[in-house]
Amino acid sequence: MKRTRCTLCDKQSLHLRDACADHIEDSDVWALEALADVRANGSHDKNLTGLSIPDADLSGINLEFAVLVGANFSGCNLQGANISRSGLTDADFTNADLTGATLQMINARRLKAAGATLDMAKLNGATLADANLDHASMIDAELVGVNLRGANLTSADLTGATLLRASLHGADLTNAQIAPGEAERANPNPSPAEEKKSPPGSGGTPPSQMDWPPPPADTDTDPSNQ
């Protein structure tokens, strides 16, 4: 049997509920055991909806293809993590450190990431429509083709970030720092023809819990709007 490590006291045990009863809740035990299973068996199609593990050290973790709808990673260390192609609708990354993380093709509508650090992160093809990135640091981040429609980027630092073909329609860029000329490489006002494009297939059977596949940056194909 696999031992599970408590992120609060660093103790490893087969039964965290007993070993760490003085400082850990049942919901935390479920989260830690779920992540231990991910580390042992991979994250493909894992349903981790509602996972809550704030302020944990999850640096380098692989959560690719996981279902993380409504998950709480606020304050977590996720440096170098791989969260690509995951469902992150309504997830919370407030003040999390995602330096150098890979989040390509994630579906993260309404993501909460105020104050998050995404320096040098790879978010190419991600859907971040209506996300809150207020005061987020995205220095040298890769944002090619990202859907940032309606996102809050107030005072965000995008110095050196690549915004080629990104959709910024309706985004709030008040006091945001963007390299000269980079905003012009984005596509804030797609044509009606582009609006009607269908999203490409994901090449596999996605988990039903996700709003999947994520629409490309220059479309808005949310089923609720059709």
Protein backbone atom coordinates (compact mmCIF):
# COMPACT_ATOMS: atom_id res chain seq x y z
CA MET A 1 0.00 0.00 0.00
CA LYS A 2 1.14 3.54 -0.74
CA ARG A 3 1.88 5.89 2.11
CA THR A 4 0.38 9.37 1.83
CA ARG A 5 2.36 12.46 2.85
CA CYS A 6 0.68 15.16 4.91
CA THR A 7 1.49 18.52 3.37
CA LEU A 8 1.10 20.23 6.75
CA CYS A 9 3.54 18.22 8.89
CA ASP A 10 5.35 16.15 6.21
CA LYS A 11 4.47 12.92 8.00
CA GLN A 12 3.92 9.84 5.80
CA SER A 13 1.36 7.27 6.85
CA LEU A 14 -1.01 4.63 5.52
CA HIS A 15 -3.75 6.21 7.65
CA LEU A 16 -3.43 9.99 7.70
CA ARG A 17 -6.86 10.36 9.28
CA ASP A 18 -5.45 8.80 12.47
CA ALA A 19 -1.81 9.93 12.29
CA CYS A 20 -2.66 13.60 11.71
CA ALA A 21 -6.05 13.84 13.42
CA ASP A 22 -5.00 16.92 15.39
CA HIS A 23 -4.57 19.12 12.32
CA ILE A 24 -6.24 17.55 9.31
CA GLU A 25 -9.86 17.31 8.20
CA ASP A 26 -11.50 14.38 6.42
CA SER A 27 -11.79 16.45 3.25
CA ASP A 28 -8.05 17.10 3.37
CA VAL A 29 -7.38 13.37 3.71
CA TRP A 30 -9.41 12.74 0.56
CA ALA A 31 -7.44 15.40 -1.31
CA LEU A 32 -4.07 14.04 -0.21
CA GLU A 33 -5.05 10.44 -1.00
CA ALA A 34 -6.35 11.53 -4.41
CA LEU A 35 -3.08 13.27 -5.22
CA ALA A 36 -1.10 10.26 -3.98
CA ASP A 37 -3.11 8.14 -6.43
CA VAL A 38 -2.33 10.62 -9.22
CA ARG A 39 1.38 10.41 -8.49
CA ALA A 40 1.25 6.59 -8.48
CA ASN A 41 -1.12 5.95 -11.38
CA GLY A 42 -1.25 9.13 -13.47
CA SER A 43 -3.96 11.75 -13.88
CA HIS A 44 -5.54 10.91 -17.24
CA ASP A 45 -9.33 11.37 -16.92
CA LYS A 46 -9.10 11.47 -13.11
CA ASN A 47 -12.19 13.14 -11.69
CA LEU A 48 -10.88 15.48 -9.00
CA THR A 49 -13.83 17.87 -9.11
CA GLY A 50 -13.92 20.06 -6.03
CA LEU A 51 -10.44 19.05 -4.84
CA SER A 52 -9.30 21.50 -2.15
CA ILE A 53 -5.68 21.59 -1.04
CA PRO A 54 -4.66 25.23 -0.52
CA ASP A 55 -1.10 26.29 0.34
CA ALA A 56 0.35 22.86 -0.52
CA ASP A 57 3.70 22.17 -2.18
CA LEU A 58 2.73 20.50 -5.47
CA SER A 59 5.77 21.57 -7.46
CA GLY A 60 6.39 19.38 -10.50
CA ILE A 61 3.12 17.44 -10.18
CA ASN A 62 1.57 15.98 -13.35
CA LEU A 63 -2.19 16.68 -13.58
CA GLU A 64 -2.51 16.45 -17.36
CA PHE A 65 -6.04 15.57 -18.56
CA ALA A 66 -7.42 15.67 -14.99
CA VAL A 67 -10.92 16.97 -14.22
CA LEU A 68 -10.35 19.77 -11.71
CA VAL A 69 -13.59 21.72 -11.98
CA GLY A 70 -13.98 24.01 -8.98
CA ALA A 71 -10.70 22.84 -7.44
CA ASN A 72 -8.95 25.03 -4.87
CA PHE A 73 -5.19 25.44 -5.34
CA SER A 74 -4.99 28.90 -3.78
CA GLY A 75 -1.54 29.70 -2.43
CA CYS A 76 -0.07 26.44 -3.76
CA ASN A 77 3.46 25.98 -5.06
CA LEU A 78 2.89 24.55 -8.54
CA GLN A 79 6.25 25.49 -10.04
CA GLY A 80 7.02 23.33 -13.06
CA ALA A 81 3.70 21.47 -12.82
CA ASN A 82 2.04 19.97 -15.90
CA ILE A 83 -1.71 20.73 -15.90
CA SER A 84 -2.17 20.68 -19.69
CA ARG A 85 -5.52 19.72 -21.24
CA SER A 86 -7.24 19.69 -17.85
CA GLY A 87 -10.73 20.95 -17.03
CA LEU A 88 -10.34 23.88 -14.65
CA THR A 89 -13.64 25.72 -14.95
CA ASP A 90 -14.19 27.82 -11.79
CA ALA A 91 -10.92 26.59 -10.26
CA ASP A 92 -9.10 28.80 -7.73
CA PHE A 93 -5.37 29.56 -8.15
CA THR A 94 -5.40 32.82 -6.18
CA ASN A 95 -1.82 33.74 -5.17
CA ALA A 96 -0.53 30.37 -6.43
CA ASP A 97 2.99 30.07 -7.85
CA LEU A 98 2.89 28.49 -11.31
CA THR A 99 6.31 29.63 -12.46
CA GLY A 100 7.39 27.55 -15.45
CA ALA A 101 4.22 25.44 -15.33
CA THR A 102 2.65 23.94 -18.46
CA LEU A 103 -1.06 24.70 -18.84
CA GLN A 104 -1.52 24.33 -22.58
CA MET A 105 -5.06 23.75 -23.91
CA ILE A 106 -6.65 23.95 -20.45
CA ASN A 107 -10.32 24.86 -20.22
CA ALA A 108 -10.32 27.37 -17.38
CA ARG A 109 -13.36 29.56 -17.82
CA ARG A 110 -13.94 31.84 -14.85
CA LEU A 111 -10.57 30.85 -13.38
CA LYS A 112 -9.69 32.69 -10.16
CA ALA A 113 -6.00 33.57 -10.33
CA ALA A 114 -5.68 37.04 -8.83
CA GLY A 115 -2.13 37.62 -7.65
CA ALA A 116 -0.93 34.34 -9.16
CA THR A 117 2.60 33.99 -10.57
CA LEU A 118 2.65 32.55 -14.08
CA ASP A 119 6.10 33.72 -15.14
CA MET A 120 7.49 31.64 -18.04
CA ALA A 121 4.35 29.46 -17.95
CA LYS A 122 3.10 27.86 -21.17
CA LEU A 123 -0.60 28.53 -21.74
CA ASN A 124 -0.77 28.19 -25.52
CA GLY A 125 -4.31 27.44 -26.73
CA ALA A 126 -5.81 27.79 -23.25
CA THR A 127 -9.34 29.02 -22.62
CA LEU A 128 -9.32 31.68 -19.90
CA ALA A 129 -12.55 33.46 -20.78
CA ASP A 130 -13.89 35.58 -17.90
CA ALA A 131 -10.87 34.64 -15.76
CA ASN A 132 -9.74 36.89 -12.91
CA LEU A 133 -6.03 37.58 -13.40
CA ASP A 134 -5.99 40.82 -11.45
CA HIS A 135 -2.38 41.67 -10.48
CA ALA A 136 -1.16 38.34 -11.86
CA SER A 137 2.45 38.10 -12.99
CA MET A 138 2.78 36.55 -16.45
CA ILE A 139 6.28 37.70 -17.35
CA ASP A 140 7.67 35.89 -20.43
CA ALA A 141 4.61 33.61 -20.49
CA GLU A 142 3.54 31.88 -23.72
CA LEU A 143 -0.04 32.93 -24.52
CA VAL A 144 -0.29 32.03 -28.21
CA GLY A 145 -3.92 31.61 -29.25
CA VAL A 146 -5.23 32.03 -25.71
CA ASN A 147 -8.90 32.93 -25.21
CA LEU A 148 -8.91 35.83 -22.73
CA ARG A 149 -12.34 37.16 -23.63
CA GLY A 150 -13.85 39.14 -20.80
CA ALA A 151 -10.89 38.40 -18.53
CA ASN A 152 -9.82 40.76 -15.78
CA LEU A 153 -6.16 41.60 -16.41
CA THR A 154 -6.13 44.75 -14.30
CA SER A 155 -2.54 45.60 -13.30
CA ALA A 156 -1.32 42.24 -14.64
CA ASP A 157 2.34 42.10 -15.69
CA LEU A 158 2.64 40.59 -19.17
CA THR A 159 6.13 41.94 -19.85
CA GLY A 160 7.72 39.75 -22.49
CA ALA A 161 4.61 37.57 -22.83
CA THR A 162 3.70 36.30 -26.31
CA LEU A 163 0.12 37.18 -27.30
CA LEU A 164 0.12 36.10 -30.94
CA ARG A 165 -3.46 35.36 -32.07
CA ALA A 166 -4.76 35.70 -28.51
CA SER A 167 -8.36 36.88 -28.12
CA LEU A 168 -8.63 39.92 -25.85
CA HIS A 169 -12.20 40.89 -26.77
CA GLY A 170 -13.84 42.49 -23.75
CA ALA A 171 -10.79 41.96 -21.51
CA ASP A 172 -9.97 44.63 -18.91
CA LEU A 173 -6.33 45.66 -19.46
CA THR A 174 -6.39 48.67 -17.14
CA ASN A 175 -2.81 49.36 -15.97
CA ALA A 176 -1.64 46.05 -17.44
CA GLN A 177 1.98 45.93 -18.57
CA ILE A 178 2.35 44.61 -22.12
CA ALA A 179 5.39 44.79 -24.37
CA PRO A 180 5.06 47.47 -27.10
CA GLY A 181 3.43 46.02 -30.20
CA GLU A 182 2.43 42.74 -28.55
CA ALA A 183 -1.23 43.67 -28.14
CA GLU A 184 -1.40 44.38 -31.88
CA ARG A 185 -0.43 40.74 -32.55
CA ALA A 186 -3.53 39.57 -30.71
CA ASN A 187 -6.95 39.23 -32.29
CA PRO A 188 -9.39 41.19 -30.12
CA ASN A 189 -12.10 41.55 -32.78
CA PRO A 190 -12.62 38.33 -34.81
CA SER A 191 -14.78 38.48 -37.89
CA PRO A 192 -18.30 36.94 -37.95
CA ALA A 193 -16.95 34.12 -40.13
CA GLU A 194 -14.35 33.30 -37.52
CA GLU A 195 -17.00 33.35 -34.79
CA LYS A 196 -18.81 30.45 -36.49
CA LYS A 197 -15.85 28.11 -36.69
CA SER A 198 -16.32 24.80 -34.91
CA PRO A 199 -13.68 23.77 -32.36
CA PRO A 200 -11.37 21.00 -33.55
CA GLY A 201 -11.59 17.55 -32.00
CA SER A 202 -9.30 16.68 -29.14
CA GLY A 203 -8.16 13.38 -30.69
CA GLY A 204 -9.58 11.24 -27.86
CA THR A 205 -12.60 10.66 -25.67
CA PRO A 206 -12.66 13.44 -23.06
CA PRO A 207 -14.14 13.03 -19.58
CA SER A 208 -17.79 13.98 -19.45
CA GLN A 209 -17.32 16.28 -16.49
CA MET A 210 -15.29 18.75 -18.53
CA ASP A 211 -16.45 21.47 -20.87
CA TRP A 212 -14.35 19.82 -23.57
CA PRO A 213 -12.75 20.27 -26.06
CA PRO A 214 -11.82 23.85 -25.26
CA PRO A 215 -12.83 26.30 -27.98
CA PRO A 216 -9.99 27.94 -29.90
CA ALA A 217 -9.08 31.47 -28.87
CA ASP A 218 -10.95 33.16 -31.74
CA THR A 219 -14.31 31.43 -31.11
CA ASP A 220 -16.92 31.32 -28.43
CA THR A 221 -18.71 28.00 -28.68
CA ASP A 222 -20.11 27.66 -25.17
CA PRO A 223 -23.19 25.42 -25.62
CA SER A 224 -25.20 27.66 -23.33
CA ASN A 225 -24.88 30.45 -25.91
CA GLN A 226 -26.13 28.41 -28.84
